[in-house]
Amino acid sequence: MIKVLFIGRPTREKGLFVLMRALMFLGRNSFSLTIVGDPPPELTVWRQRLHADTICCLGSVPNRHLPSIIRRHDVLIVPSLYENFGNVALEAMACGVPVVASNTGGLSELVRFGRGILFPTGNYRVLAAKLRILQQKKRQRIQMGIVASIRVRRYGWLQIGAKVAQLLTEIASKHPPKCENRRHTGHS
């Protein structure tokens, strides 16, 4: 059984419906799903369709508890229809959990860099196929998580701060401030 995690709002753009449709292809008792965030209105219907008592909705969780929740899962799914960056994917990779995500926005670059798995946005059949592979290949899942946790270290606050400082220094050296030589007379 593969332990699947979804973190996000139950809005259409977050793509939870894509994940639910993909899970229908995995088969009964082959997965557990944890949803972190407000419960989607369709939760009862999905549980019935999937014949799954293994769908758990934790509701909103304080950020400080997310790492321990993430580490208890085999994979984080980010099925967003659009995502600028994908902080939740970054958090999962930092925790050593592989990410399977939609190939959209900045999320695709982040997941590709972290050696996660991308699937065409909205394509639940391909997502199901990717999940089935990860379900069968535990060693690959573990390896993906280790690689991701190493690669995302470049997104730490110290590294980001150093890069911003370097960028500002470069900009300042190319465009020195223009100061006029005015004499202060004491009058306004």
Protein backbone atom coordinates (compact mmCIF):
# COMPACT_ATOMS: atom_id res chain seq x y z
CA MET A 1 0.00 0.00 0.00
CA ILE A 2 1.36 3.40 -0.97
CA LYS A 3 0.78 6.31 1.43
CA VAL A 4 -0.26 9.33 -0.63
CA LEU A 5 -0.37 12.91 0.68
CA PHE A 6 -2.17 15.97 -0.68
CA ILE A 7 -1.71 19.39 0.95
CA GLY A 8 -3.82 22.31 -0.20
CA ARG A 9 -7.14 24.06 -0.47
CA PRO A 10 -10.07 22.19 -1.96
CA THR A 11 -10.29 24.54 -4.94
CA ARG A 12 -10.43 23.48 -8.57
CA GLU A 13 -7.02 24.97 -9.41
CA LYS A 14 -5.34 22.77 -6.77
CA GLY A 15 -6.47 19.73 -8.76
CA LEU A 16 -7.57 17.39 -5.98
CA PHE A 17 -10.21 16.01 -8.36
CA VAL A 18 -7.36 14.91 -10.68
CA LEU A 19 -5.77 12.94 -7.86
CA MET A 20 -9.09 11.33 -6.90
CA ARG A 21 -9.71 10.20 -10.46
CA ALA A 22 -6.17 8.79 -10.63
CA LEU A 23 -6.71 6.82 -7.42
CA MET A 24 -9.70 5.09 -9.02
CA PHE A 25 -7.20 3.36 -11.34
CA LEU A 26 -4.97 2.10 -8.54
CA GLY A 27 -7.42 -0.37 -7.13
CA ARG A 28 -9.03 -1.01 -3.80
CA ASN A 29 -6.79 -1.21 -0.73
CA SER A 30 -3.68 -0.29 -2.71
CA PHE A 31 -3.33 3.22 -1.25
CA SER A 32 -4.09 5.44 1.67
CA LEU A 33 -4.67 9.13 1.14
CA THR A 34 -4.20 11.92 3.65
CA ILE A 35 -5.59 15.35 2.80
CA VAL A 36 -4.17 18.30 4.72
CA GLY A 37 -6.42 21.32 4.36
CA ASP A 38 -10.12 21.95 4.54
CA PRO A 39 -12.14 18.88 3.59
CA PRO A 40 -13.46 19.01 0.03
CA PRO A 41 -17.25 18.96 -0.28
CA GLU A 42 -17.02 15.83 -2.44
CA LEU A 43 -15.14 13.79 0.19
CA THR A 44 -18.04 11.47 1.04
CA VAL A 45 -18.78 10.81 -2.64
CA TRP A 46 -15.09 10.05 -3.34
CA ARG A 47 -14.91 7.65 -0.42
CA GLN A 48 -17.91 5.79 -1.81
CA ARG A 49 -16.60 5.71 -5.39
CA LEU A 50 -13.17 4.52 -4.30
CA HIS A 51 -14.58 2.07 -1.77
CA ALA A 52 -11.92 3.51 0.49
CA ASP A 53 -11.96 3.90 4.20
CA THR A 54 -8.32 4.85 3.88
CA ILE A 55 -8.97 8.50 3.01
CA CYS A 56 -8.21 10.72 5.96
CA CYS A 57 -8.77 14.47 6.07
CA LEU A 58 -6.75 16.24 8.76
CA GLY A 59 -8.15 19.71 8.09
CA SER A 60 -5.93 22.75 8.57
CA VAL A 61 -2.68 21.98 10.35
CA PRO A 62 -0.15 24.43 11.86
CA ASN A 63 2.95 24.74 9.67
CA ARG A 64 5.20 23.45 12.45
CA HIS A 65 3.45 20.04 12.23
CA LEU A 66 3.79 19.64 8.46
CA PRO A 67 7.29 18.07 8.38
CA SER A 68 6.27 15.19 10.65
CA ILE A 69 3.08 14.62 8.64
CA ILE A 70 4.99 14.72 5.34
CA ARG A 71 7.61 12.21 6.56
CA ARG A 72 4.89 9.65 7.37
CA HIS A 73 4.00 9.37 3.67
CA ASP A 74 5.56 7.72 0.63
CA VAL A 75 4.77 10.46 -1.87
CA LEU A 76 3.32 13.96 -2.08
CA ILE A 77 1.04 14.64 -5.03
CA VAL A 78 0.69 18.22 -6.32
CA PRO A 79 -1.92 17.94 -9.09
CA SER A 80 -2.44 21.70 -9.47
CA LEU A 81 -3.82 23.05 -12.72
CA TYR A 82 -1.48 26.00 -12.18
CA GLU A 83 1.12 26.70 -9.52
CA ASN A 84 3.58 29.59 -9.42
CA PHE A 85 6.22 27.92 -7.28
CA GLY A 86 4.94 25.13 -5.07
CA ASN A 87 6.18 25.64 -1.53
CA VAL A 88 4.56 22.39 -0.44
CA ALA A 89 6.63 20.48 -3.01
CA LEU A 90 9.78 22.14 -1.69
CA GLU A 91 8.84 21.19 1.88
CA ALA A 92 8.24 17.56 0.92
CA MET A 93 11.56 17.35 -0.93
CA ALA A 94 13.33 18.85 2.09
CA CYS A 95 11.73 16.08 4.19
CA GLY A 96 13.02 13.41 1.81
CA VAL A 97 9.62 12.58 0.34
CA PRO A 98 9.34 12.28 -3.45
CA VAL A 99 6.98 14.57 -5.30
CA VAL A 100 4.72 13.78 -8.24
CA ALA A 101 3.36 17.00 -9.70
CA SER A 102 1.62 18.62 -12.64
CA ASN A 103 3.93 19.96 -15.29
CA THR A 104 2.85 23.57 -14.79
CA GLY A 105 4.30 26.95 -13.84
CA GLY A 106 7.33 27.21 -11.61
CA LEU A 107 6.34 23.92 -10.02
CA SER A 108 7.66 22.00 -13.01
CA GLU A 109 11.14 23.53 -12.71
CA LEU A 110 11.28 22.87 -8.98
CA VAL A 111 10.15 19.25 -9.26
CA ARG A 112 12.42 18.57 -12.24
CA PHE A 113 15.37 20.05 -10.33
CA GLY A 114 14.53 17.91 -7.28
CA ARG A 115 14.31 14.79 -9.46
CA GLY A 116 10.61 14.32 -8.83
CA ILE A 117 8.09 13.07 -11.36
CA LEU A 118 5.99 15.31 -13.59
CA PHE A 119 2.78 14.42 -15.37
CA PRO A 120 0.77 16.39 -17.95
CA THR A 121 -1.51 18.83 -16.15
CA GLY A 122 -4.95 17.37 -15.55
CA ASN A 123 -4.06 13.93 -16.96
CA TYR A 124 -5.26 11.57 -14.23
CA ARG A 125 -4.46 8.45 -16.27
CA VAL A 126 -0.77 9.33 -16.49
CA LEU A 127 -0.78 10.29 -12.80
CA ALA A 128 -2.25 6.86 -11.97
CA ALA A 129 0.47 5.17 -14.03
CA LYS A 130 3.20 7.13 -12.22
CA LEU A 131 1.68 6.25 -8.84
CA ARG A 132 1.50 2.57 -9.79
CA ILE A 133 5.21 2.59 -10.66
CA LEU A 134 6.11 4.23 -7.35
CA GLN A 135 3.82 1.82 -5.53
CA GLN A 136 5.76 -1.12 -6.96
CA LYS A 137 9.25 0.37 -6.69
CA LYS A 138 9.91 1.24 -3.07
CA ARG A 139 13.67 1.48 -3.62
CA GLN A 140 13.14 4.07 -6.37
CA ARG A 141 10.83 6.10 -4.07
CA ILE A 142 13.43 6.12 -1.30
CA GLN A 143 16.20 7.08 -3.71
CA MET A 144 14.09 9.91 -5.16
CA GLY A 145 13.47 11.27 -1.66
CA ILE A 146 17.16 11.22 -0.77
CA VAL A 147 18.17 12.98 -3.98
CA ALA A 148 15.43 15.59 -3.52
CA SER A 149 16.47 16.36 0.05
CA ILE A 150 20.06 16.96 -1.08
CA ARG A 151 19.18 19.04 -4.13
CA VAL A 152 16.73 21.40 -2.39
CA ARG A 153 19.31 22.58 0.11
CA ARG A 154 20.06 25.37 -2.32
CA TYR A 155 16.63 26.80 -1.43
CA GLY A 156 17.53 27.36 2.25
CA TRP A 157 17.19 30.89 3.60
CA LEU A 158 20.96 31.32 3.98
CA GLN A 159 21.56 30.33 0.37
CA ILE A 160 18.75 32.51 -0.93
CA GLY A 161 19.95 35.46 1.18
CA ALA A 162 23.49 35.06 -0.14
CA LYS A 163 22.24 34.98 -3.74
CA VAL A 164 20.10 38.09 -3.23
CA ALA A 165 23.08 39.91 -1.65
CA GLN A 166 25.28 38.86 -4.57
CA LEU A 167 22.70 40.06 -7.09
CA LEU A 168 22.30 43.42 -5.34
CA THR A 169 26.09 43.86 -5.24
CA GLU A 170 26.31 43.16 -8.99
CA ILE A 171 23.52 45.63 -9.73
CA ALA A 172 25.09 48.30 -7.52
CA SER A 173 28.51 47.89 -9.19
CA LYS A 174 27.00 48.29 -12.66
CA HIS A 175 24.79 51.21 -11.71
CA PRO A 176 26.49 53.34 -9.06
CA PRO A 177 24.27 55.91 -7.36
CA LYS A 178 24.30 59.37 -8.93
CA CYS A 179 24.89 61.93 -6.25
CA GLU A 180 24.68 65.61 -6.91
CA ASN A 181 27.12 67.80 -5.11
CA ARG A 182 24.78 70.21 -3.34
CA ARG A 183 25.83 72.50 -0.66
CA HIS A 184 23.66 72.52 2.42
CA THR A 185 22.77 76.10 3.36
CA GLY A 186 20.53 75.38 6.31
CA HIS A 187 17.52 76.95 4.56
CA SER A 188 14.56 74.82 3.51
